[in-house]
Every structure is written in structure tokens, then in C-alpha cells.
Amino acid sequence: MNFTQLTVFREVMESGSISQTAKKLGRTQPAISLAIRNLERSLGLSLFERRGRRLVPVPEAQYLLAEATMVLDRLSTV
């Protein structure tokens, strides 16, 4: 798990969209998808259910969002 993955994860959780996250962060959609996939792989769990083109967060994603937000907020003050 790294800073980029947490940033991407938080943005996907807030927007609910890979494409909106890509636009906001100035990255490609495949790069955003890869960051989420690598984060899920490093955690050993799925953070989203894929329903068509929509990503629906699983309960564990809500917990990770709270933790990731605290970490990212602390890093931004440094």
C-alpha cells in the first residue's frame, strides 16, 4: 500500500467513478484501475463490487476510507 494508491482509493470512494477520478488526478482510467487493483491485491481483499460500470464499495472499504483519510490528512500537514 502506498500514498498514490490511498489517494486514488479516496478519490474513487468520493466520486464513485474511475473516469472522474482519472480526470481529477490527471491520470488515465487504466492507471486508476491498476492502482485500485494493486491496492486490493496488497490488502488481500476486494474493496468494490463491480456492477456493470459502477463500483460499489464493500463495508471494508468504508473502514479503509476513514483510515486513509486520516493518513492522507496527516501527510498533507507535513
Protein backbone atom coordinates (compact mmCIF):
# COMPACT_ATOMS: atom_id res chain seq x y z
CA MET A 1 0.00 0.00 0.00
CA ASN A 2 1.38 3.39 -0.95
CA PHE A 3 0.48 7.07 -1.00
CA THR A 4 -0.70 7.01 -4.61
CA GLN A 5 -2.96 4.02 -4.05
CA LEU A 6 -4.53 5.64 -0.98
CA THR A 7 -5.07 8.89 -2.85
CA VAL A 8 -6.68 7.09 -5.78
CA PHE A 9 -8.81 5.00 -3.43
CA ARG A 10 -10.10 8.05 -1.56
CA GLU A 11 -10.97 9.83 -4.80
CA VAL A 12 -12.79 6.77 -6.19
CA MET A 13 -14.74 6.48 -2.94
CA GLU A 14 -15.69 10.17 -3.08
CA SER A 15 -16.61 10.28 -6.76
CA GLY A 16 -17.78 6.70 -7.22
CA SER A 17 -16.18 6.75 -10.64
CA ILE A 18 -12.91 5.63 -12.18
CA SER A 19 -13.26 8.14 -15.02
CA GLN A 20 -13.98 11.11 -12.73
CA THR A 21 -11.04 10.13 -10.54
CA ALA A 22 -8.80 9.93 -13.61
CA LYS A 23 -9.83 13.41 -14.72
CA LYS A 24 -9.39 14.90 -11.25
CA LEU A 25 -5.95 13.36 -10.73
CA GLY A 26 -4.78 13.88 -14.32
CA ARG A 27 -4.25 10.18 -14.98
CA THR A 28 -5.65 7.62 -17.35
CA GLN A 29 -8.54 5.35 -16.47
CA PRO A 30 -6.35 2.23 -16.81
CA ALA A 31 -3.84 3.76 -14.36
CA ILE A 32 -6.61 4.38 -11.81
CA SER A 33 -7.98 0.85 -12.26
CA LEU A 34 -4.48 -0.59 -11.84
CA ALA A 35 -3.88 1.39 -8.64
CA ILE A 36 -7.15 0.07 -7.16
CA ARG A 37 -6.37 -3.49 -8.29
CA ASN A 38 -2.87 -3.33 -6.77
CA LEU A 39 -4.26 -1.92 -3.52
CA GLU A 40 -6.80 -4.73 -3.35
CA ARG A 41 -4.07 -7.25 -4.08
CA SER A 42 -1.81 -5.88 -1.33
CA LEU A 43 -4.68 -5.97 1.17
CA GLY A 44 -5.84 -9.39 0.07
CA LEU A 45 -9.47 -8.31 -0.33
CA SER A 46 -11.83 -6.66 -2.77
CA LEU A 47 -12.80 -3.11 -1.90
CA PHE A 48 -15.53 -2.78 -4.51
CA GLU A 49 -18.19 -4.92 -6.10
CA ARG A 50 -18.23 -4.28 -9.81
CA ARG A 51 -21.79 -3.86 -11.08
CA GLY A 52 -21.54 -3.14 -14.76
CA ARG A 53 -19.51 0.05 -14.94
CA ARG A 54 -20.26 1.04 -11.37
CA LEU A 55 -18.09 0.37 -8.36
CA VAL A 56 -19.99 -0.31 -5.16
CA PRO A 57 -17.85 -0.16 -2.00
CA VAL A 58 -17.90 -3.15 0.33
CA PRO A 59 -18.09 -2.48 4.10
CA GLU A 60 -14.33 -2.87 4.50
CA ALA A 61 -13.86 -0.01 2.04
CA GLN A 62 -15.70 2.34 4.40
CA TYR A 63 -13.28 1.45 7.20
CA LEU A 64 -10.27 1.88 4.92
CA LEU A 65 -11.62 5.25 3.74
CA ALA A 66 -11.67 6.56 7.31
CA GLU A 67 -8.12 5.34 7.92
CA ALA A 68 -6.81 6.52 4.54
CA THR A 69 -8.33 9.96 5.07
CA MET A 70 -6.59 10.32 8.42
CA VAL A 71 -3.25 9.22 6.96
CA LEU A 72 -3.53 11.47 3.90
CA ASP A 73 -4.62 14.43 6.01
CA ARG A 74 -1.64 13.95 8.32
CA LEU A 75 0.75 13.71 5.39
CA SER A 76 -0.62 16.89 3.86
CA THR A 77 0.21 18.82 7.03
CA VAL A 78 3.82 17.68 6.98
